[in-house]
């Protein structure tokens, strides 16, 4: 019995010795940390296990949803899947919910089914608040916005029953009496869809808030209109694009009419075939407006002389031209130089002893070169014209039907599927159009309110929305409201 106990103790001693040797080796090799380090690790684990809720939210707050295009200029494709970002910000108050879809402020069926319709804006009836003017076939309706939609204030009907095309309506003080007049242009169509006469009408404004005399200015097949100031005299001048022949036998023409108490024809310029758009702009910054026209072959730019005449021109080729957009420069080089000079001394912190020498400061600053307007020619591509330089191509959506000058120099471009704000390197959808809506025209009110006119199975509908950060969409099953009649509706027949 004693021998067995001794053998067991000897085996246990050998085992403990081996463990001691192994422990010593591990300690000197750094596998087993000192007791102080073990204590620090334990306390750190306890700290991490109970985080401060306020600290955690503050650290997670900068997270941005994957749908925000402002993240370092990235797009949703470069940010990563929405699920990944949502996982990183889970449990915090970061804005991970999708952006709310702005609603259309108004949605109305403005006329029944006709072949062509156009839309414009301007204050022609009642107070100075702008109205929405919709030409549906031979009828021009004037609508005022209401809380529930629109109220019809007036309807002007062109006598006859033939199919017509029309230019977008124009509102301007043509006769120089400080009242806004309504300018309408129609083209009567023959059986083949070509021009068969037409008319250019100026319906004078009236101090009572209605309409005055109606002037049949010319028997032209009008497809485009522009009101501007060309001759420096009272009354807005008009430029009308005359569609002479739908089969290429006769060229289109641009007619210039001088405004005043008795508007008169100032100039006529022969163009190429199938003109579609006209605009005026000071491209070369010489202080005179130039005439830009667009047709099936491209654009023609005629330099103005300041008296309503255009002695010389140049051509710019463009496939399938559809529209012209002018972005006004808004200032000259001299004005920009004055603003820069005033800004440099606006803080008032300069030391009088460190001022420039009076003789040197008396010299006027060198004025920068005047800046001309920028013109965009819209067709299968979008060309940008600036001064006498060669046109450059703007990256833009394919299939633009109509375009306007938008806020901050951007283009408001309408395609079959959407309306987008387009600029250098930017393309942001502001209206997503339903598949049953065939857009035909757009207008912009005060730079922010967008009107989209389109055809549906039930007639022509007008969508209205404010340009914002989101994308406006129609909710499924939304029905267009019918405009109400104002208490006193003006009905006028144009003979």
Protein backbone atom coordinates (compact mmCIF):
# COMPACT_ATOMS: atom_id res chain seq x y z
CA UNK A 1 0.00 0.00 0.00
CA UNK A 2 2.79 2.43 0.86
CA UNK A 3 4.57 1.65 -2.38
CA UNK A 4 1.45 2.52 -4.39
CA UNK A 5 1.08 5.91 -2.64
CA UNK A 6 4.70 6.73 -3.23
CA UNK A 7 4.40 5.89 -6.94
CA UNK A 8 1.32 8.13 -7.29
CA UNK A 9 3.03 11.04 -5.59
CA UNK A 10 6.08 10.61 -7.78
CA UNK A 11 3.89 10.69 -10.96
CA UNK A 12 2.04 13.80 -9.73
CA UNK A 13 5.33 15.58 -9.03
CA UNK A 14 6.62 14.75 -12.51
CA UNK A 15 3.36 16.12 -14.06
CA UNK A 16 3.49 19.35 -12.03
CA UNK A 17 7.10 19.84 -13.02
CA UNK A 18 6.27 19.48 -16.70
CA UNK A 19 3.42 22.05 -16.33
CA UNK A 20 5.73 24.46 -14.59
CA UNK A 21 8.34 24.20 -17.34
CA UNK A 22 5.68 24.76 -20.02
CA UNK A 23 4.25 27.75 -18.10
CA UNK A 24 7.64 29.36 -17.82
CA UNK A 25 8.28 28.93 -21.54
CA UNK A 26 4.86 30.47 -22.38
CA UNK A 27 5.42 33.43 -20.04
CA UNK A 28 8.80 34.33 -21.50
CA UNK A 29 7.43 33.84 -25.03
CA UNK A 30 4.66 36.45 -24.34
CA UNK A 31 1.77 34.05 -24.81
CA UNK A 32 0.50 34.69 -21.28
CA UNK A 33 0.14 38.52 -20.60
CA UNK A 34 0.91 40.04 -17.20
CA UNK A 35 -1.83 40.29 -14.63
CA UNK A 36 -2.16 44.12 -15.18
CA UNK A 37 -2.86 43.67 -18.85
CA UNK A 38 -5.48 41.02 -18.13
CA UNK A 39 -7.18 43.41 -15.73
CA UNK A 40 -7.20 46.21 -18.35
CA UNK A 41 -8.70 43.91 -20.97
CA UNK A 42 -11.46 42.88 -18.61
CA UNK A 43 -12.39 46.48 -17.79
CA UNK A 44 -12.35 47.44 -21.48
CA UNK A 45 -14.71 44.61 -22.29
CA UNK A 46 -17.10 45.80 -19.62
CA UNK A 47 -16.94 49.37 -21.02
CA UNK A 48 -17.66 48.22 -24.56
CA UNK A 49 -20.56 46.12 -23.42
CA UNK A 50 -22.41 49.20 -22.04
CA UNK A 51 -22.07 52.04 -24.60
CA UNK A 52 -23.44 55.55 -24.01
CA UNK A 53 -26.66 55.82 -26.11
CA UNK A 54 -26.08 59.51 -26.84
CA UNK A 55 -22.54 58.86 -28.05
CA UNK A 56 -23.69 56.03 -30.32
CA UNK A 57 -26.37 58.17 -31.99
CA UNK A 58 -23.99 61.10 -32.44
CA UNK A 59 -21.45 58.89 -34.16
CA UNK A 60 -24.07 57.34 -36.44
CA UNK A 61 -25.78 60.61 -37.35
CA UNK A 62 -23.54 61.49 -40.36
CA UNK A 63 -24.73 58.35 -42.15
CA UNK A 64 -26.59 59.28 -45.38
CA UNK A 65 -29.20 57.12 -47.12
CA UNK A 66 -28.10 55.48 -50.34
CA UNK A 67 -30.72 57.43 -52.26
CA UNK A 68 -29.10 60.81 -51.49
CA UNK A 69 -27.23 61.94 -54.65
CA UNK A 70 -25.30 64.60 -52.74
CA UNK A 71 -22.81 62.21 -51.10
CA UNK A 72 -19.50 63.42 -52.54
CA UNK A 73 -21.09 63.69 -55.96
CA UNK A 74 -21.96 60.00 -55.96
CA UNK A 75 -24.97 58.33 -57.47
CA UNK A 76 -27.01 55.46 -55.99
CA UNK A 77 -24.98 53.06 -58.14
CA UNK A 78 -21.68 54.22 -56.62
CA UNK A 79 -22.89 54.43 -53.03
CA UNK A 80 -23.88 50.77 -52.81
CA UNK A 81 -27.09 48.83 -52.19
CA UNK A 82 -29.66 50.47 -49.99
CA UNK A 83 -29.67 47.48 -47.65
CA UNK A 84 -25.97 47.87 -46.80
CA UNK A 85 -26.33 51.50 -45.72
CA UNK A 86 -29.52 50.74 -43.79
CA UNK A 87 -27.69 48.02 -41.86
CA UNK A 88 -24.90 50.43 -40.89
CA UNK A 89 -27.38 52.98 -39.54
CA UNK A 90 -29.81 50.54 -37.92
CA UNK A 91 -30.88 51.54 -34.42
CA UNK A 92 -30.04 55.24 -34.96
CA UNK A 93 -32.01 58.33 -35.95
CA UNK A 94 -30.21 58.72 -39.29
CA UNK A 95 -32.46 59.56 -42.27
CA UNK A 96 -32.73 56.13 -43.87
CA UNK A 97 -36.36 56.40 -44.96
CA UNK A 98 -36.97 57.14 -48.66
CA UNK A 99 -37.67 60.76 -49.61
CA UNK A 100 -41.34 61.68 -49.71
CA UNK A 101 -42.76 62.01 -53.19
CA UNK A 102 -44.01 65.57 -53.83
CA UNK A 103 -47.61 65.69 -54.95
CA UNK A 104 -48.86 67.62 -57.94
CA UNK A 105 -50.40 70.80 -56.61
CA UNK A 106 -52.99 70.67 -59.39
CA UNK A 107 -54.16 68.05 -61.89
CA UNK A 108 -57.01 68.94 -64.22
CA UNK A 109 -58.60 67.87 -67.49
CA UNK A 110 -58.55 71.16 -69.34
CA UNK A 111 -60.15 70.21 -72.67
CA UNK A 112 -61.58 67.32 -74.61
CA UNK A 113 -59.81 65.29 -77.26
CA UNK A 114 -58.41 67.50 -80.04
CA UNK A 115 -55.38 66.90 -82.22
CA UNK A 116 -53.05 69.63 -80.93
CA UNK A 117 -52.72 71.72 -77.76
CA UNK A 118 -50.17 74.13 -76.21
CA UNK A 119 -49.72 75.86 -72.86
CA UNK A 120 -48.38 79.21 -71.68
CA UNK A 121 -48.52 81.57 -68.69
CA UNK A 122 -49.16 85.27 -68.18
CA UNK A 123 -51.48 87.80 -66.56
CA UNK A 124 -54.15 88.82 -69.07
CA UNK A 125 -57.43 88.83 -67.10
CA UNK A 126 -58.15 90.55 -63.79
CA UNK A 127 -55.32 91.20 -61.34
CA UNK A 128 -51.57 90.83 -61.81
CA UNK A 129 -51.52 87.17 -60.73
CA UNK A 130 -50.45 85.03 -63.68
CA UNK A 131 -52.97 82.73 -65.34
CA UNK A 132 -52.53 79.41 -67.14
CA UNK A 133 -53.37 79.70 -70.84
CA UNK A 134 -54.17 76.49 -72.70
CA UNK A 135 -54.90 76.41 -76.44
CA UNK A 136 -56.91 73.32 -77.36
CA UNK A 137 -57.53 73.25 -81.08
CA UNK A 138 -59.40 76.42 -82.00
CA UNK A 139 -60.14 77.40 -78.37
CA UNK A 140 -57.84 79.32 -76.04
CA UNK A 141 -58.79 78.92 -72.37
CA UNK A 142 -57.60 81.19 -69.56
CA UNK A 143 -57.52 79.49 -66.14
CA UNK A 144 -56.84 80.91 -62.69
CA UNK A 145 -55.51 78.66 -59.91
CA UNK A 146 -57.83 77.86 -57.01
CA UNK A 147 -57.50 75.80 -53.84
CA UNK A 148 -59.17 72.84 -55.54
CA UNK A 149 -57.73 73.20 -59.04
CA UNK A 150 -58.53 75.79 -61.69
CA UNK A 151 -61.33 78.23 -62.52
CA UNK A 152 -62.02 79.14 -66.14
CA UNK A 153 -61.93 82.90 -66.59
CA UNK A 154 -62.22 83.23 -70.37
CA UNK A 155 -62.41 81.28 -73.61
CA UNK A 156 -61.46 82.72 -77.00
CA UNK A 157 -62.67 80.70 -80.00
CA UNK A 158 -61.25 80.98 -83.51
CA UNK A 159 -64.15 80.83 -85.93
CA UNK A 160 -64.22 77.76 -88.23
CA UNK A 161 -64.03 74.01 -87.87
CA UNK A 162 -60.83 72.87 -89.67
CA UNK A 163 -58.03 71.14 -87.79
CA UNK A 164 -55.30 73.53 -86.60
CA UNK A 165 -51.82 73.64 -85.14
CA UNK A 166 -50.79 76.50 -82.96
CA UNK A 167 -47.85 78.32 -81.42
CA UNK A 168 -47.58 78.56 -77.64
CA UNK A 169 -49.49 81.64 -76.42
CA UNK A 170 -47.52 84.81 -75.68
CA UNK A 171 -48.39 87.55 -73.18
CA UNK A 172 -46.78 90.98 -73.73
CA UNK A 173 -47.63 94.68 -73.95
CA UNK A 174 -47.67 94.90 -77.74
CA UNK A 175 -49.48 98.21 -78.17
CA UNK A 176 -47.47 100.05 -75.50
CA UNK A 177 -50.37 101.06 -73.21
CA UNK A 178 -48.94 99.37 -70.09
CA UNK A 179 -51.54 96.59 -70.28
CA UNK A 180 -50.69 92.99 -71.08
CA UNK A 181 -52.03 91.70 -74.39
CA UNK A 182 -52.62 88.10 -75.49
CA UNK A 183 -50.94 87.02 -78.74
CA UNK A 184 -52.22 83.87 -80.47
CA UNK A 185 -51.08 82.20 -83.66
CA UNK A 186 -52.77 79.33 -85.52
CA UNK A 187 -52.03 77.27 -88.63
CA UNK A 188 -54.99 75.77 -90.43
CA UNK A 189 -54.26 72.26 -91.74
CA UNK A 190 -55.34 70.71 -95.02
CA UNK A 191 -56.38 67.09 -95.53
CA UNK A 192 -52.72 65.98 -95.79
CA UNK A 193 -51.73 67.78 -92.58
CA UNK A 194 -49.88 70.62 -94.32
CA UNK A 195 -50.48 74.36 -93.85
CA UNK A 196 -53.54 75.86 -95.49
CA UNK A 197 -53.55 79.40 -94.17
CA UNK A 198 -53.62 80.73 -90.64
CA UNK A 199 -53.72 83.85 -88.55
CA UNK A 200 -51.71 85.94 -86.09
CA UNK A 201 -53.96 87.72 -83.56
CA UNK A 202 -53.30 90.33 -80.88
CA UNK A 203 -56.11 90.54 -78.30
CA UNK A 204 -55.63 93.80 -76.41
CA UNK A 205 -55.88 93.96 -72.64
CA UNK A 206 -58.56 96.13 -71.10
CA UNK A 207 -58.35 98.28 -67.92
CA UNK A 208 -61.55 96.63 -66.64
CA UNK A 209 -59.77 93.26 -66.51
CA UNK A 210 -61.16 91.79 -69.73
CA UNK A 211 -60.20 92.06 -73.37
CA UNK A 212 -60.33 95.02 -75.72
CA UNK A 213 -59.94 95.16 -79.48
CA UNK A 214 -58.77 92.19 -81.51
CA UNK A 215 -56.21 92.85 -84.23
CA UNK A 216 -55.71 90.30 -87.02
CA UNK A 217 -52.07 91.21 -87.53
CA UNK A 218 -51.30 88.92 -90.49
CA UNK A 219 -52.62 85.90 -92.38
CA UNK A 220 -49.70 83.63 -91.54
CA UNK A 221 -49.44 79.91 -90.75
CA UNK A 222 -47.88 80.50 -87.34
CA UNK A 223 -46.04 77.64 -85.60
CA UNK A 224 -43.78 79.64 -83.26
CA UNK A 225 -43.94 83.05 -81.57
CA UNK A 226 -41.60 85.29 -79.61
CA UNK A 227 -42.19 88.68 -77.96
CA UNK A 228 -39.13 90.87 -77.44
CA UNK A 229 -37.75 94.40 -77.82
CA UNK A 230 -35.92 95.01 -81.09
CA UNK A 231 -36.33 98.63 -82.19
CA UNK A 232 -36.17 100.55 -78.89
CA UNK A 233 -39.68 102.00 -79.25
CA UNK A 234 -42.74 101.54 -76.97
CA UNK A 235 -44.57 98.26 -77.41
CA UNK A 236 -43.20 94.72 -77.50
CA UNK A 237 -42.05 93.53 -80.92
CA UNK A 238 -43.16 90.16 -82.25
CA UNK A 239 -41.33 87.48 -84.23
CA UNK A 240 -43.57 84.91 -85.92
CA UNK A 241 -42.41 81.77 -87.71
CA UNK A 242 -44.49 81.15 -90.85
CA UNK A 243 -44.77 77.53 -91.99
CA UNK A 244 -45.26 78.02 -95.73
CA UNK A 245 -45.36 74.48 -97.10
CA UNK A 246 -45.51 71.00 -95.61
CA UNK A 247 -43.97 69.33 -98.68
CA UNK A 248 -40.75 71.27 -99.05
CA UNK A 249 -41.80 73.28 -102.09
CA UNK A 250 -41.55 76.68 -100.37
CA UNK A 251 -39.28 77.74 -97.52
CA UNK A 252 -40.48 78.91 -94.14
CA UNK A 253 -40.20 82.58 -93.23
CA UNK A 254 -39.63 84.67 -90.11
CA UNK A 255 -41.72 87.86 -89.83
CA UNK A 256 -40.81 90.68 -87.46
CA UNK A 257 -43.56 93.09 -86.34
CA UNK A 258 -42.87 96.36 -84.53
CA UNK A 259 -45.07 96.97 -81.51
CA UNK A 260 -46.98 100.15 -80.82
CA UNK A 261 -50.51 101.54 -81.12
CA UNK A 262 -50.60 100.27 -84.71
CA UNK A 263 -48.26 97.27 -85.02
CA UNK A 264 -46.59 97.01 -88.44
CA UNK A 265 -44.35 94.60 -90.27
CA UNK A 266 -40.71 95.51 -89.74
CA UNK A 267 -38.81 92.76 -91.54
CA UNK A 268 -39.14 89.39 -93.22
CA UNK A 269 -36.44 86.78 -93.54
CA UNK A 270 -36.59 83.71 -95.77
CA UNK A 271 -35.47 80.53 -94.05
CA UNK A 272 -35.21 76.88 -95.04
CA UNK A 273 -38.00 74.32 -95.09
CA UNK A 274 -40.17 73.16 -92.18
CA UNK A 275 -39.32 75.75 -89.55
CA UNK A 276 -40.19 74.65 -86.02
CA UNK A 277 -38.85 77.22 -83.54
CA UNK A 278 -37.73 80.83 -83.25
CA UNK A 279 -35.94 82.83 -80.53
CA UNK A 280 -33.96 86.04 -80.04
CA UNK A 281 -30.74 86.41 -78.05
CA UNK A 282 -27.67 88.61 -77.85
CA UNK A 283 -25.15 85.92 -78.65
CA UNK A 284 -22.17 88.11 -79.47
CA UNK A 285 -22.73 90.61 -76.62
CA UNK A 286 -22.88 93.62 -78.96
CA UNK A 287 -26.07 94.97 -77.37
CA UNK A 288 -28.26 93.92 -80.34
CA UNK A 289 -30.58 90.93 -80.30
CA UNK A 290 -29.93 88.23 -82.89
CA UNK A 291 -32.57 86.06 -84.56
CA UNK A 292 -32.26 82.28 -84.16
CA UNK A 293 -34.49 79.92 -86.14
CA UNK A 294 -34.60 76.14 -86.20
CA UNK A 295 -35.75 73.86 -89.00
CA UNK A 296 -35.29 70.33 -90.31
CA UNK A 297 -31.66 71.00 -91.33
CA UNK A 298 -30.46 72.89 -88.27
CA UNK A 299 -30.30 76.47 -87.04
CA UNK A 300 -29.75 79.81 -88.71
CA UNK A 301 -28.38 82.67 -86.62
CA UNK A 302 -28.93 86.16 -88.05
CA UNK A 303 -27.06 89.05 -86.41
CA UNK A 304 -29.33 91.95 -85.44
CA UNK A 305 -28.50 95.60 -86.13
CA UNK A 306 -30.60 97.09 -83.30
CA UNK A 307 -33.34 98.32 -85.63
CA UNK A 308 -35.19 95.05 -86.19
CA UNK A 309 -33.17 93.97 -89.24
CA UNK A 310 -30.78 91.05 -89.60
CA UNK A 311 -28.28 91.65 -92.43
CA UNK A 312 -26.00 88.60 -92.10
CA UNK A 313 -26.37 85.05 -90.82
CA UNK A 314 -24.58 81.76 -90.26
CA UNK A 315 -25.82 78.17 -90.13
CA UNK A 316 -25.38 75.47 -87.49
CA UNK A 317 -26.29 71.89 -88.55
CA UNK A 318 -28.50 69.84 -86.22
CA UNK A 319 -30.46 66.66 -86.83
CA UNK A 320 -34.20 66.70 -86.04
CA UNK A 321 -34.30 70.18 -84.50
CA UNK A 322 -37.22 70.64 -82.10
CA UNK A 323 -36.67 73.58 -79.76
CA UNK A 324 -34.51 76.59 -78.85
CA UNK A 325 -33.69 77.63 -75.28
CA UNK A 326 -32.12 80.98 -74.39
CA UNK A 327 -30.37 81.52 -71.05
CA UNK A 328 -29.91 85.26 -70.54
CA UNK A 329 -26.53 86.42 -69.34
CA UNK A 330 -28.20 88.86 -66.96
CA UNK A 331 -25.23 91.24 -66.84
CA UNK A 332 -22.33 92.63 -68.80
CA UNK A 333 -18.65 92.34 -68.10
CA UNK A 334 -18.52 95.94 -66.82
CA UNK A 335 -21.28 95.27 -64.28
CA UNK A 336 -19.48 92.18 -63.04
CA UNK A 337 -16.29 94.21 -62.61
CA UNK A 338 -18.15 96.79 -60.50
CA UNK A 339 -19.61 94.10 -58.23
CA UNK A 340 -16.18 92.56 -57.74
CA UNK A 341 -14.67 95.91 -56.83
CA UNK A 342 -17.40 96.73 -54.30
CA UNK A 343 -17.12 93.32 -52.70
CA UNK A 344 -13.38 93.67 -52.09
CA UNK A 345 -13.84 96.72 -49.85
CA UNK A 346 -17.10 95.80 -48.17
CA UNK A 347 -15.66 94.58 -44.86
CA UNK A 348 -14.28 97.99 -43.77
CA UNK A 349 -11.36 96.39 -41.93
CA UNK A 350 -8.54 97.79 -44.07
CA UNK A 351 -5.86 99.84 -42.34
CA UNK A 352 -5.89 103.43 -43.67
CA UNK A 353 -2.10 103.57 -43.47
CA UNK A 354 -1.87 100.49 -45.68
CA UNK A 355 -4.23 101.93 -48.32
CA UNK A 356 -3.13 102.08 -51.91
CA UNK A 357 -1.58 105.26 -53.21
CA UNK A 358 -4.35 107.77 -54.20
CA UNK A 359 -2.93 108.13 -57.69
CA UNK A 360 -3.00 104.37 -58.19
CA UNK A 361 -6.49 103.94 -56.68
CA UNK A 362 -7.85 106.67 -58.94
CA UNK A 363 -7.32 104.44 -61.96
CA UNK A 364 -10.56 102.63 -62.92
CA UNK A 365 -10.43 98.82 -62.81
CA UNK A 366 -10.12 97.06 -66.12
CA UNK A 367 -13.59 95.95 -67.23
CA UNK A 368 -14.10 92.35 -68.24
CA UNK A 369 -15.42 91.54 -71.69
CA UNK A 370 -19.23 91.64 -72.02
CA UNK A 371 -20.94 88.28 -71.66
CA UNK A 372 -23.48 87.22 -74.29
CA UNK A 373 -26.49 85.01 -73.88
CA UNK A 374 -26.22 81.23 -74.06
CA UNK A 375 -28.39 79.38 -76.59
CA UNK A 376 -29.25 75.68 -76.60
CA UNK A 377 -30.41 74.01 -79.81
CA UNK A 378 -32.45 70.92 -79.01
CA UNK A 379 -32.68 68.05 -81.47
CA UNK A 380 -31.33 64.50 -81.53
CA UNK A 381 -28.48 66.11 -79.58
CA UNK A 382 -28.28 69.36 -77.61
CA UNK A 383 -25.84 71.99 -78.87
CA UNK A 384 -24.69 74.92 -76.73
CA UNK A 385 -23.86 78.20 -78.48
CA UNK A 386 -21.82 80.92 -76.79
CA UNK A 387 -20.62 83.91 -78.79
CA UNK A 388 -18.76 83.15 -82.00
CA UNK A 389 -17.21 79.96 -80.63
CA UNK A 390 -17.89 76.57 -82.16
CA UNK A 391 -20.95 74.80 -80.71
CA UNK A 392 -20.37 72.28 -77.95
CA UNK A 393 -22.53 69.25 -77.16
CA UNK A 394 -24.32 69.07 -73.82
CA UNK A 395 -24.81 65.67 -72.20
CA UNK A 396 -28.59 65.46 -72.12
CA UNK A 397 -31.35 62.83 -72.12
CA UNK A 398 -32.23 61.28 -75.45
CA UNK A 399 -35.53 62.18 -77.06
CA UNK A 400 -36.15 65.68 -75.66
CA UNK A 401 -39.46 66.99 -77.01
CA UNK A 402 -39.54 70.45 -75.39
CA UNK A 403 -37.13 72.42 -73.22
CA UNK A 404 -37.08 75.65 -71.21
CA UNK A 405 -34.57 77.75 -69.31
CA UNK A 406 -34.78 76.60 -65.70
CA UNK A 407 -33.42 77.84 -62.37
CA UNK A 408 -29.70 78.65 -62.11
CA UNK A 409 -29.06 78.18 -65.82
CA UNK A 410 -30.24 74.57 -65.96
CA UNK A 411 -32.46 73.21 -68.72
CA UNK A 412 -35.94 71.91 -67.98
CA UNK A 413 -36.12 69.08 -70.50
CA UNK A 414 -39.27 67.07 -71.28
CA UNK A 415 -39.08 63.60 -72.81
CA UNK A 416 -41.78 61.03 -73.37
CA UNK A 417 -41.26 59.51 -69.90
CA UNK A 418 -40.15 62.36 -67.63
CA UNK A 419 -39.16 65.98 -67.05
CA UNK A 420 -35.61 66.57 -65.86
CA UNK A 421 -33.32 69.40 -64.77
CA UNK A 422 -30.23 69.09 -66.97
CA UNK A 423 -26.90 70.88 -66.63
CA UNK A 424 -23.20 70.21 -66.93
CA UNK A 425 -22.86 66.71 -65.51
CA UNK A 426 -26.30 66.73 -63.87
CA UNK A 427 -29.57 65.07 -64.84
CA UNK A 428 -32.22 65.01 -62.12
CA UNK A 429 -35.78 63.82 -62.72
CA UNK A 430 -38.35 66.26 -61.32
CA UNK A 431 -41.50 64.71 -62.84
CA UNK A 432 -42.03 61.02 -63.57
CA UNK A 433 -44.79 60.87 -66.19
CA UNK A 434 -47.31 58.01 -66.21
CA UNK A 435 -47.37 55.69 -69.20
CA UNK A 436 -50.89 56.76 -70.17
CA UNK A 437 -49.86 60.43 -70.37
CA UNK A 438 -48.49 61.68 -73.72
CA UNK A 439 -46.69 64.98 -72.99
CA UNK A 440 -46.96 67.74 -75.58
CA UNK A 441 -45.81 70.99 -73.97
CA UNK A 442 -44.39 72.55 -70.81
CA UNK A 443 -44.30 76.02 -69.28
CA UNK A 444 -42.51 77.52 -66.28
CA UNK A 445 -44.04 80.12 -64.00
CA UNK A 446 -41.74 82.44 -62.04
CA UNK A 447 -38.90 79.97 -62.40
CA UNK A 448 -40.33 77.41 -59.97
CA UNK A 449 -43.86 76.32 -60.92
CA UNK A 450 -43.82 73.73 -63.69
CA UNK A 451 -46.79 73.03 -65.96
CA UNK A 452 -46.91 69.86 -68.08
CA UNK A 453 -49.63 69.50 -70.71
CA UNK A 454 -50.34 66.07 -72.13
CA UNK A 455 -52.92 63.91 -73.82
CA UNK A 456 -54.70 60.95 -72.22
CA UNK A 457 -57.50 58.65 -73.32
CA UNK A 458 -60.05 61.06 -71.85
CA UNK A 459 -58.65 64.34 -73.22
CA UNK A 460 -55.93 66.85 -72.43
CA UNK A 461 -54.70 67.12 -68.84
CA UNK A 462 -52.56 69.73 -67.11
CA UNK A 463 -50.15 68.78 -64.32
CA UNK A 464 -48.73 71.45 -62.02
CA UNK A 465 -45.97 71.04 -59.47
CA UNK A 466 -43.28 73.05 -57.69
CA UNK A 467 -39.69 72.30 -58.62
CA UNK A 468 -38.07 70.84 -55.52
CA UNK A 469 -35.60 68.18 -54.47
CA UNK A 470 -37.89 65.22 -55.06
CA UNK A 471 -39.65 63.64 -58.04
CA UNK A 472 -43.37 64.29 -58.55
CA UNK A 473 -45.49 61.27 -59.51
CA UNK A 474 -49.17 60.60 -59.94
CA UNK A 475 -50.61 58.13 -57.49
CA UNK A 476 -52.28 55.11 -59.18
CA UNK A 477 -55.94 55.70 -59.92
CA UNK A 478 -55.73 59.49 -59.57
CA UNK A 479 -58.51 61.22 -61.48
CA UNK A 480 -58.12 64.64 -63.08
CA UNK A 481 -60.52 67.30 -61.84
CA UNK A 482 -62.60 69.44 -64.16
CA UNK A 483 -62.02 73.22 -63.95
CA UNK A 484 -64.88 75.21 -62.53
CA UNK A 485 -66.34 78.28 -64.22
CA UNK A 486 -65.62 81.62 -62.60
CA UNK A 487 -68.69 83.74 -61.66
CA UNK A 488 -68.15 85.89 -64.78
CA UNK A 489 -66.67 83.99 -67.73
CA UNK A 490 -65.59 85.91 -70.82
CA UNK A 491 -66.45 84.17 -74.08
CA UNK A 492 -65.05 85.77 -77.22
CA UNK A 493 -65.28 84.63 -80.85
CA UNK A 494 -62.39 85.60 -83.13
CA UNK A 495 -63.82 86.18 -86.60
